Amino acid sequence: MLSRISRRYSIALYEEAKSTGTLDKIAEDVDSVINIIEENRDLELFFGSPIIDHVKKAAIIREIFEGKISQLMLNF
């Protein structure tokens, strides 16, 4: 189930980046976000926690990444 959902979101992000001509920037943003989360155990646990609601997670994502990644990636 999760892989099916992940695939749909991945395709949607790819299509939007392609249509806006930002594929390279989105690829950089994805790598950056993944690296930052994987390098910080607390962040990894925070985002992996099922007891922390998605609103709080979205607020933390904005706080950490706003101005550092594209708006498309931030909204994604």
N, C-alpha and C. Protein backbone atom coordinates (compact mmCIF):
# COMPACT_ATOMS: atom_id res chain seq x y z
N MET A 1 0.82 -1.20 0.00
CA MET A 1 0.00 0.00 0.00
C MET A 1 0.86 1.26 0.00
N LEU A 2 1.84 1.32 0.90
CA LEU A 2 2.69 2.51 0.98
C LEU A 2 3.44 2.75 -0.31
N SER A 3 3.93 1.70 -0.94
CA SER A 3 4.67 1.89 -2.18
C SER A 3 3.76 2.41 -3.29
N ARG A 4 2.51 2.03 -3.28
CA ARG A 4 1.57 2.52 -4.28
C ARG A 4 1.31 4.02 -4.07
N ILE A 5 1.16 4.43 -2.83
CA ILE A 5 0.96 5.84 -2.50
C ILE A 5 2.22 6.64 -2.83
N SER A 6 3.37 6.11 -2.45
CA SER A 6 4.64 6.78 -2.74
C SER A 6 4.82 6.96 -4.24
N ARG A 7 4.47 5.96 -4.98
CA ARG A 7 4.60 6.03 -6.44
C ARG A 7 3.71 7.13 -7.01
N ARG A 8 2.49 7.21 -6.54
CA ARG A 8 1.57 8.25 -7.04
C ARG A 8 2.10 9.65 -6.74
N TYR A 9 2.58 9.85 -5.53
CA TYR A 9 3.13 11.16 -5.18
C TYR A 9 4.40 11.45 -5.97
N SER A 10 5.23 10.47 -6.14
CA SER A 10 6.46 10.65 -6.91
C SER A 10 6.15 11.05 -8.35
N ILE A 11 5.20 10.38 -8.94
CA ILE A 11 4.81 10.69 -10.32
C ILE A 11 4.22 12.10 -10.40
N ALA A 12 3.39 12.46 -9.44
CA ALA A 12 2.79 13.79 -9.44
C ALA A 12 3.86 14.88 -9.31
N LEU A 13 4.82 14.68 -8.42
CA LEU A 13 5.92 15.64 -8.26
C LEU A 13 6.74 15.72 -9.53
N TYR A 14 7.06 14.58 -10.11
CA TYR A 14 7.83 14.54 -11.36
C TYR A 14 7.10 15.29 -12.47
N GLU A 15 5.83 15.02 -12.64
CA GLU A 15 5.05 15.66 -13.70
C GLU A 15 4.99 17.17 -13.51
N GLU A 16 4.79 17.61 -12.30
CA GLU A 16 4.73 19.05 -12.03
C GLU A 16 6.09 19.70 -12.28
N ALA A 17 7.15 19.07 -11.82
CA ALA A 17 8.50 19.60 -12.06
C ALA A 17 8.82 19.64 -13.54
N LYS A 18 8.40 18.62 -14.25
CA LYS A 18 8.63 18.56 -15.70
C LYS A 18 7.88 19.69 -16.40
N SER A 19 6.63 19.88 -16.02
CA SER A 19 5.81 20.90 -16.69
C SER A 19 6.29 22.32 -16.38
N THR A 20 6.95 22.50 -15.25
CA THR A 20 7.45 23.83 -14.89
C THR A 20 8.94 24.01 -15.22
N GLY A 21 9.55 22.96 -15.78
CA GLY A 21 10.96 23.05 -16.16
C GLY A 21 11.91 23.08 -14.98
N THR A 22 11.52 22.44 -13.88
CA THR A 22 12.34 22.48 -12.67
C THR A 22 12.81 21.09 -12.21
N LEU A 23 12.92 20.16 -13.13
CA LEU A 23 13.32 18.80 -12.76
C LEU A 23 14.65 18.76 -12.01
N ASP A 24 15.65 19.47 -12.53
CA ASP A 24 16.96 19.45 -11.89
C ASP A 24 16.91 20.04 -10.49
N LYS A 25 16.20 21.14 -10.32
CA LYS A 25 16.08 21.78 -9.00
C LYS A 25 15.34 20.87 -8.03
N ILE A 26 14.28 20.23 -8.48
CA ILE A 26 13.53 19.33 -7.60
C ILE A 26 14.40 18.13 -7.19
N ALA A 27 15.17 17.61 -8.12
CA ALA A 27 16.08 16.49 -7.80
C ALA A 27 17.07 16.92 -6.72
N GLU A 28 17.62 18.11 -6.85
CA GLU A 28 18.54 18.64 -5.83
C GLU A 28 17.83 18.81 -4.49
N ASP A 29 16.62 19.35 -4.54
CA ASP A 29 15.85 19.55 -3.32
C ASP A 29 15.55 18.23 -2.61
N VAL A 30 15.15 17.23 -3.37
CA VAL A 30 14.84 15.91 -2.79
C VAL A 30 16.09 15.35 -2.11
N ASP A 31 17.22 15.40 -2.80
CA ASP A 31 18.48 14.91 -2.21
C ASP A 31 18.81 15.67 -0.94
N SER A 32 18.66 16.98 -0.97
CA SER A 32 18.97 17.81 0.19
C SER A 32 18.09 17.47 1.39
N VAL A 33 16.80 17.36 1.16
CA VAL A 33 15.87 17.05 2.25
C VAL A 33 16.18 15.67 2.84
N ILE A 34 16.38 14.69 1.99
CA ILE A 34 16.70 13.34 2.45
C ILE A 34 17.98 13.34 3.27
N ASN A 35 19.03 13.99 2.76
CA ASN A 35 20.31 14.03 3.47
C ASN A 35 20.18 14.69 4.83
N ILE A 36 19.48 15.81 4.90
CA ILE A 36 19.33 16.51 6.17
C ILE A 36 18.60 15.64 7.18
N ILE A 37 17.54 14.99 6.76
CA ILE A 37 16.78 14.14 7.68
C ILE A 37 17.59 12.92 8.09
N GLU A 38 18.27 12.29 7.14
CA GLU A 38 19.06 11.09 7.48
C GLU A 38 20.25 11.41 8.37
N GLU A 39 20.79 12.62 8.27
CA GLU A 39 21.95 13.01 9.09
C GLU A 39 21.56 13.43 10.50
N ASN A 40 20.28 13.62 10.74
CA ASN A 40 19.82 14.07 12.05
C ASN A 40 18.84 13.04 12.61
N ARG A 41 19.32 12.24 13.52
CA ARG A 41 18.52 11.14 14.07
C ARG A 41 17.21 11.64 14.70
N ASP A 42 17.28 12.79 15.39
CA ASP A 42 16.07 13.34 16.01
C ASP A 42 15.01 13.70 14.97
N LEU A 43 15.46 14.30 13.86
CA LEU A 43 14.52 14.62 12.78
C LEU A 43 13.93 13.36 12.18
N GLU A 44 14.77 12.38 11.98
CA GLU A 44 14.30 11.11 11.40
C GLU A 44 13.23 10.48 12.30
N LEU A 45 13.48 10.48 13.60
CA LEU A 45 12.50 9.92 14.53
C LEU A 45 11.22 10.77 14.57
N PHE A 46 11.40 12.09 14.56
CA PHE A 46 10.26 13.01 14.58
C PHE A 46 9.33 12.76 13.39
N PHE A 47 9.90 12.74 12.18
CA PHE A 47 9.08 12.57 10.98
C PHE A 47 8.54 11.15 10.84
N GLY A 48 9.20 10.19 11.45
CA GLY A 48 8.74 8.80 11.40
C GLY A 48 7.71 8.45 12.45
N SER A 49 7.51 9.36 13.40
CA SER A 49 6.61 9.08 14.51
C SER A 49 5.14 9.17 14.09
N PRO A 50 4.39 8.11 14.34
CA PRO A 50 2.96 8.14 14.01
C PRO A 50 2.13 8.94 15.02
N ILE A 51 2.71 9.28 16.17
CA ILE A 51 1.91 10.00 17.18
C ILE A 51 1.99 11.52 17.02
N ILE A 52 2.91 12.00 16.19
CA ILE A 52 3.00 13.43 15.92
C ILE A 52 2.15 13.73 14.69
N ASP A 53 1.20 14.65 14.85
CA ASP A 53 0.26 14.89 13.76
C ASP A 53 0.92 15.62 12.59
N HIS A 54 0.29 15.48 11.42
CA HIS A 54 0.85 16.00 10.17
C HIS A 54 0.94 17.52 10.15
N VAL A 55 0.09 18.19 10.91
CA VAL A 55 0.13 19.66 10.95
C VAL A 55 1.43 20.13 11.60
N LYS A 56 1.79 19.50 12.70
CA LYS A 56 3.04 19.85 13.38
C LYS A 56 4.24 19.51 12.50
N LYS A 57 4.19 18.37 11.83
CA LYS A 57 5.28 18.00 10.93
C LYS A 57 5.43 19.00 9.80
N ALA A 58 4.31 19.44 9.23
CA ALA A 58 4.35 20.42 8.14
C ALA A 58 4.94 21.74 8.63
N ALA A 59 4.61 22.15 9.83
CA ALA A 59 5.14 23.39 10.38
C ALA A 59 6.65 23.30 10.56
N ILE A 60 7.13 22.17 11.02
CA ILE A 60 8.58 21.97 11.20
C ILE A 60 9.28 21.94 9.85
N ILE A 61 8.67 21.30 8.87
CA ILE A 61 9.25 21.28 7.52
C ILE A 61 9.41 22.70 7.01
N ARG A 62 8.38 23.51 7.14
CA ARG A 62 8.45 24.91 6.70
C ARG A 62 9.55 25.67 7.45
N GLU A 63 9.62 25.46 8.74
CA GLU A 63 10.61 26.15 9.57
C GLU A 63 12.04 25.79 9.14
N ILE A 64 12.27 24.53 8.86
CA ILE A 64 13.61 24.07 8.50
C ILE A 64 13.98 24.44 7.07
N PHE A 65 13.06 24.23 6.13
CA PHE A 65 13.41 24.27 4.72
C PHE A 65 12.98 25.52 3.96
N GLU A 66 12.12 26.35 4.52
CA GLU A 66 11.66 27.53 3.78
C GLU A 66 12.84 28.43 3.42
N GLY A 67 12.91 28.78 2.16
CA GLY A 67 14.00 29.60 1.65
C GLY A 67 15.22 28.80 1.22
N LYS A 68 15.21 27.50 1.52
CA LYS A 68 16.34 26.63 1.18
C LYS A 68 16.03 25.68 0.03
N ILE A 69 14.73 25.45 -0.18
CA ILE A 69 14.30 24.58 -1.28
C ILE A 69 13.22 25.32 -2.05
N SER A 70 12.92 24.83 -3.25
CA SER A 70 11.91 25.48 -4.09
C SER A 70 10.53 25.43 -3.44
N GLN A 71 9.70 26.35 -3.85
CA GLN A 71 8.33 26.40 -3.31
C GLN A 71 7.56 25.14 -3.69
N LEU A 72 7.78 24.62 -4.88
CA LEU A 72 7.12 23.38 -5.30
C LEU A 72 7.47 22.24 -4.34
N MET A 73 8.73 22.10 -4.03
CA MET A 73 9.16 21.03 -3.12
C MET A 73 8.63 21.28 -1.71
N LEU A 74 8.66 22.53 -1.28
CA LEU A 74 8.15 22.85 0.05
C LEU A 74 6.66 22.52 0.16
N ASN A 75 5.91 22.85 -0.86
CA ASN A 75 4.47 22.55 -0.85
C ASN A 75 4.22 21.04 -0.94
N PHE A 76 5.07 20.34 -1.63
CA PHE A 76 4.92 18.90 -1.80
C PHE A 76 5.02 18.21 -0.44
